Each structure stands twice: as C-alpha cells, then as structure tokens.
Amino acid sequence: MAMIAISSTGAAKLLGQVTTVKGAHCAAADESNHVYVCDPNGGRILVFTDSPR
C-alpha cells in the first residue's frame, strides 16, 4: 500500500509504502491516522497507523 500526498497543483508525492497481504483490494482511513485493509484470504482486518506529516 502506498501513501501519496497530492499538492495544491495536483502533483503526487510518494510518502511511504507498507506491505499488506496478497489479495487485499480495499482500504478505509479515519481521522486518527489509521488505515484499515481487508485480508480476504485470512478473514482479518489489518490496521496500520500513520504518523501525521
């Protein structure tokens, strides 16, 4: 999974990457810097925490 920032001019900048799981195809983020990623083969929800930039 890649974290990407979009500038006011529309330019994309890669902020970081983390490894999820094979088959992961959905993600949701909240206002507390958490990202939830589905693990369809393992029946889990993976939780990642990002530091504010």
PDB file of N, CA and C in Angstrom:
ATOM      1  N   MET A   1       0.853  -1.146   0.000  1.00  0.00           N
ATOM      2  CA  MET A   1       0.000   0.000   0.000  1.00  0.00           C
ATOM      3  C   MET A   1       0.908   1.219   0.000  1.00  0.00           C
ATOM      4  N   ALA A   2       0.566   2.187  -0.789  1.00  0.00           N
ATOM      5  CA  ALA A   2       1.349   3.414  -0.884  1.00  0.00           C
ATOM      6  C   ALA A   2       0.565   4.567  -0.271  1.00  0.00           C
ATOM      7  N   MET A   3       1.269   5.434   0.454  1.00  0.00           N
ATOM      8  CA  MET A   3       0.690   6.665   0.959  1.00  0.00           C
ATOM      9  C   MET A   3       1.184   7.775   0.049  1.00  0.00           C
ATOM     10  N   ILE A   4       0.242   8.500  -0.517  1.00  0.00           N
ATOM     11  CA  ILE A   4       0.557   9.522  -1.519  1.00  0.00           C
ATOM     12  C   ILE A   4      -0.078  10.839  -1.103  1.00  0.00           C
ATOM     13  N   ALA A   5       0.688  11.913  -1.198  1.00  0.00           N
ATOM     14  CA  ALA A   5       0.167  13.260  -0.959  1.00  0.00           C
ATOM     15  C   ALA A   5      -0.063  13.918  -2.306  1.00  0.00           C
ATOM     16  N   ILE A   6      -1.138  14.684  -2.399  1.00  0.00           N
ATOM     17  CA  ILE A   6      -1.443  15.444  -3.610  1.00  0.00           C
ATOM     18  C   ILE A   6      -1.319  16.922  -3.272  1.00  0.00           C
ATOM     19  N   SER A   7      -0.459  17.620  -3.988  1.00  0.00           N
ATOM     20  CA  SER A   7      -0.244  19.046  -3.732  1.00  0.00           C
ATOM     21  C   SER A   7      -1.402  19.867  -4.294  1.00  0.00           C
ATOM     22  N   SER A   8      -1.410  21.129  -3.969  1.00  0.00           N
ATOM     23  CA  SER A   8      -2.461  22.025  -4.472  1.00  0.00           C
ATOM     24  C   SER A   8      -2.415  22.166  -5.991  1.00  0.00           C
ATOM     25  N   THR A   9      -1.274  21.836  -6.611  1.00  0.00           N
ATOM     26  CA  THR A   9      -1.166  21.896  -8.072  1.00  0.00           C
ATOM     27  C   THR A   9      -1.528  20.565  -8.730  1.00  0.00           C
ATOM     28  N   GLY A  10      -1.817  19.558  -7.892  1.00  0.00           N
ATOM     29  CA  GLY A  10      -2.195  18.257  -8.431  1.00  0.00           C
ATOM     30  C   GLY A  10      -1.049  17.272  -8.567  1.00  0.00           C
ATOM     31  N   ALA A  11       0.155  17.659  -8.144  1.00  0.00           N
ATOM     32  CA  ALA A  11       1.311  16.764  -8.229  1.00  0.00           C
ATOM     33  C   ALA A  11       1.258  15.728  -7.111  1.00  0.00           C
ATOM     34  N   ALA A  12       1.593  14.500  -7.445  1.00  0.00           N
ATOM     35  CA  ALA A  12       1.606  13.409  -6.468  1.00  0.00           C
ATOM     36  C   ALA A  12       3.011  13.198  -5.932  1.00  0.00           C
ATOM     37  N   LYS A  13       3.097  12.911  -4.625  1.00  0.00           N
ATOM     38  CA  LYS A  13       4.389  12.633  -3.988  1.00  0.00           C
ATOM     39  C   LYS A  13       4.232  11.385  -3.122  1.00  0.00           C
ATOM     40  N   LEU A  14       5.101  10.403  -3.332  1.00  0.00           N
ATOM     41  CA  LEU A  14       5.078   9.184  -2.536  1.00  0.00           C
ATOM     42  C   LEU A  14       5.622   9.487  -1.145  1.00  0.00           C
ATOM     43  N   LEU A  15       4.804   9.211  -0.106  1.00  0.00           N
ATOM     44  CA  LEU A  15       5.222   9.470   1.267  1.00  0.00           C
ATOM     45  C   LEU A  15       5.775   8.216   1.932  1.00  0.00           C
ATOM     46  N   GLY A  16       5.316   7.069   1.500  1.00  0.00           N
ATOM     47  CA  GLY A  16       5.779   5.825   2.099  1.00  0.00           C
ATOM     48  C   GLY A  16       5.000   4.647   1.560  1.00  0.00           C
ATOM     49  N   GLN A  17       5.472   3.454   1.915  1.00  0.00           N
ATOM     50  CA  GLN A  17       4.816   2.223   1.486  1.00  0.00           C
ATOM     51  C   GLN A  17       4.851   1.215   2.625  1.00  0.00           C
ATOM     52  N   VAL A  18       3.837   0.367   2.710  1.00  0.00           N
ATOM     53  CA  VAL A  18       3.822  -0.751   3.643  1.00  0.00           C
ATOM     54  C   VAL A  18       3.320  -1.983   2.901  1.00  0.00           C
ATOM     55  N   THR A  19       3.766  -3.134   3.345  1.00  0.00           N
ATOM     56  CA  THR A  19       3.320  -4.391   2.757  1.00  0.00           C
ATOM     57  C   THR A  19       2.029  -4.824   3.437  1.00  0.00           C
ATOM     58  N   THR A  20       1.035  -5.196   2.656  1.00  0.00           N
ATOM     59  CA  THR A  20      -0.219  -5.712   3.207  1.00  0.00           C
ATOM     60  C   THR A  20      -0.238  -7.222   2.982  1.00  0.00           C
ATOM     61  N   VAL A  21      -1.258  -7.742   2.349  1.00  0.00           N
ATOM     62  CA  VAL A  21      -1.364  -9.177   2.087  1.00  0.00           C
ATOM     63  C   VAL A  21      -1.819  -9.402   0.653  1.00  0.00           C
ATOM     64  N   LYS A  22      -1.545 -10.580   0.152  1.00  0.00           N
ATOM     65  CA  LYS A  22      -1.982 -10.936  -1.192  1.00  0.00           C
ATOM     66  C   LYS A  22      -3.503 -10.900  -1.254  1.00  0.00           C
ATOM     67  N   GLY A  23      -4.021 -10.262  -2.283  1.00  0.00           N
ATOM     68  CA  GLY A  23      -5.467 -10.196  -2.485  1.00  0.00           C
ATOM     69  C   GLY A  23      -6.141  -9.006  -1.835  1.00  0.00           C
ATOM     70  N   ALA A  24      -5.401  -8.233  -1.035  1.00  0.00           N
ATOM     71  CA  ALA A  24      -6.008  -7.047  -0.413  1.00  0.00           C
ATOM     72  C   ALA A  24      -6.411  -6.075  -1.517  1.00  0.00           C
ATOM     73  N   HIS A  25      -7.647  -5.613  -1.464  1.00  0.00           N
ATOM     74  CA  HIS A  25      -8.139  -4.738  -2.534  1.00  0.00           C
ATOM     75  C   HIS A  25      -9.029  -3.612  -2.012  1.00  0.00           C
ATOM     76  N   CYS A  26      -9.090  -3.475  -0.701  1.00  0.00           N
ATOM     77  CA  CYS A  26      -9.910  -2.395  -0.156  1.00  0.00           C
ATOM     78  C   CYS A  26      -9.186  -1.770   1.026  1.00  0.00           C
ATOM     79  N   ALA A  27      -9.441  -0.496   1.239  1.00  0.00           N
ATOM     80  CA  ALA A  27      -8.849   0.214   2.372  1.00  0.00           C
ATOM     81  C   ALA A  27      -9.782   1.346   2.764  1.00  0.00           C
ATOM     82  N   ALA A  28      -9.770   1.653   4.051  1.00  0.00           N
ATOM     83  CA  ALA A  28     -10.527   2.792   4.570  1.00  0.00           C
ATOM     84  C   ALA A  28      -9.648   3.486   5.596  1.00  0.00           C
ATOM     85  N   ALA A  29      -9.745   4.803   5.663  1.00  0.00           N
ATOM     86  CA  ALA A  29      -8.951   5.579   6.606  1.00  0.00           C
ATOM     87  C   ALA A  29      -9.870   6.380   7.514  1.00  0.00           C
ATOM     88  N   ASP A  30      -9.374   6.679   8.715  1.00  0.00           N
ATOM     89  CA  ASP A  30     -10.140   7.518   9.630  1.00  0.00           C
ATOM     90  C   ASP A  30      -9.350   8.774   9.984  1.00  0.00           C
ATOM     91  N   GLU A  31      -9.968   9.622  10.779  1.00  0.00           N
ATOM     92  CA  GLU A  31      -9.347  10.906  11.121  1.00  0.00           C
ATOM     93  C   GLU A  31      -8.238  10.774  12.164  1.00  0.00           C
ATOM     94  N   SER A  32      -8.021   9.567  12.674  1.00  0.00           N
ATOM     95  CA  SER A  32      -6.980   9.323  13.676  1.00  0.00           C
ATOM     96  C   SER A  32      -5.735   8.681  13.072  1.00  0.00           C
ATOM     97  N   ASN A  33      -5.559   8.816  11.765  1.00  0.00           N
ATOM     98  CA  ASN A  33      -4.387   8.304  11.038  1.00  0.00           C
ATOM     99  C   ASN A  33      -4.304   6.784  11.001  1.00  0.00           C
ATOM    100  N   HIS A  34      -5.450   6.123  11.069  1.00  0.00           N
ATOM    101  CA  HIS A  34      -5.488   4.674  10.923  1.00  0.00           C
ATOM    102  C   HIS A  34      -5.998   4.322   9.530  1.00  0.00           C
ATOM    103  N   VAL A  35      -5.419   3.263   8.973  1.00  0.00           N
ATOM    104  CA  VAL A  35      -5.895   2.724   7.701  1.00  0.00           C
ATOM    105  C   VAL A  35      -6.245   1.263   7.939  1.00  0.00           C
ATOM    106  N   TYR A  36      -7.430   0.862   7.500  1.00  0.00           N
ATOM    107  CA  TYR A  36      -7.933  -0.496   7.663  1.00  0.00           C
ATOM    108  C   TYR A  36      -7.941  -1.162   6.294  1.00  0.00           C
ATOM    109  N   VAL A  37      -7.294  -2.312   6.197  1.00  0.00           N
ATOM    110  CA  VAL A  37      -7.164  -3.030   4.928  1.00  0.00           C
ATOM    111  C   VAL A  37      -7.732  -4.424   5.108  1.00  0.00           C
ATOM    112  N   CYS A  38      -8.553  -4.867   4.157  1.00  0.00           N
ATOM    113  CA  CYS A  38      -9.129  -6.208   4.248  1.00  0.00           C
ATOM    114  C   CYS A  38      -8.094  -7.269   3.876  1.00  0.00           C
ATOM    115  N   ASP A  39      -8.208  -8.410   4.522  1.00  0.00           N
ATOM    116  CA  ASP A  39      -7.403  -9.598   4.203  1.00  0.00           C
ATOM    117  C   ASP A  39      -8.392 -10.677   3.802  1.00  0.00           C
ATOM    118  N   PRO A  40      -8.752 -10.738   2.519  1.00  0.00           N
ATOM    119  CA  PRO A  40      -9.804 -11.655   2.090  1.00  0.00           C
ATOM    120  C   PRO A  40      -9.450 -13.131   2.276  1.00  0.00           C
ATOM    121  N   ASN A  41      -8.186 -13.479   2.226  1.00  0.00           N
ATOM    122  CA  ASN A  41      -7.800 -14.881   2.384  1.00  0.00           C
ATOM    123  C   ASN A  41      -7.663 -15.288   3.847  1.00  0.00           C
ATOM    124  N   GLY A  42      -7.365 -14.340   4.719  1.00  0.00           N
ATOM    125  CA  GLY A  42      -7.178 -14.640   6.133  1.00  0.00           C
ATOM    126  C   GLY A  42      -8.369 -14.280   6.998  1.00  0.00           C
ATOM    127  N   GLY A  43      -9.374 -13.616   6.410  1.00  0.00           N
ATOM    128  CA  GLY A  43     -10.561 -13.242   7.172  1.00  0.00           C
ATOM    129  C   GLY A  43     -10.271 -12.222   8.267  1.00  0.00           C
ATOM    130  N   ARG A  44      -9.333 -11.325   8.003  1.00  0.00           N
ATOM    131  CA  ARG A  44      -8.949 -10.331   9.008  1.00  0.00           C
ATOM    132  C   ARG A  44      -9.078  -8.924   8.450  1.00  0.00           C
ATOM    133  N   ILE A  45      -9.022  -7.978   9.360  1.00  0.00           N
ATOM    134  CA  ILE A  45      -8.870  -6.571   9.006  1.00  0.00           C
ATOM    135  C   ILE A  45      -7.496  -6.155   9.544  1.00  0.00           C
ATOM    136  N   LEU A  46      -6.623  -5.686   8.673  1.00  0.00           N
ATOM    137  CA  LEU A  46      -5.310  -5.210   9.072  1.00  0.00           C
ATOM    138  C   LEU A  46      -5.416  -3.728   9.415  1.00  0.00           C
ATOM    139  N   VAL A  47      -4.748  -3.312  10.463  1.00  0.00           N
ATOM    140  CA  VAL A  47      -4.797  -1.907  10.897  1.00  0.00           C
ATOM    141  C   VAL A  47      -3.384  -1.340  10.858  1.00  0.00           C
ATOM    142  N   PHE A  48      -3.226  -0.234  10.158  1.00  0.00           N
ATOM    143  CA  PHE A  48      -1.957   0.473  10.074  1.00  0.00           C
ATOM    144  C   PHE A  48      -2.170   1.862  10.653  1.00  0.00           C
ATOM    145  N   THR A  49      -1.152   2.375  11.344  1.00  0.00           N
ATOM    146  CA  THR A  49      -1.214   3.727  11.892  1.00  0.00           C
ATOM    147  C   THR A  49      -0.096   4.547  11.235  1.00  0.00           C
ATOM    148  N   ASP A  50      -0.474   5.696  10.706  1.00  0.00           N
ATOM    149  CA  ASP A  50       0.495   6.570  10.050  1.00  0.00           C
ATOM    150  C   ASP A  50       0.711   7.786  10.930  1.00  0.00           C
ATOM    151  N   SER A  51       1.923   8.283  10.942  1.00  0.00           N
ATOM    152  CA  SER A  51       2.210   9.498  11.695  1.00  0.00           C
ATOM    153  C   SER A  51       1.814  10.709  10.856  1.00  0.00           C
ATOM    154  N   PRO A  52       1.260  11.730  11.493  1.00  0.00           N
ATOM    155  CA  PRO A  52       0.890  12.940  10.737  1.00  0.00           C
ATOM    156  C   PRO A  52       2.115  13.577  10.099  1.00  0.00           C
ATOM    157  N   ARG A  53       1.918  14.186   8.957  1.00  0.00           N
ATOM    158  CA  ARG A  53       3.023  14.833   8.250  1.00  0.00           C
ATOM    159  C   ARG A  53       2.823  16.315   8.249  1.00  0.00           C
TER     160      ARG A  53
END
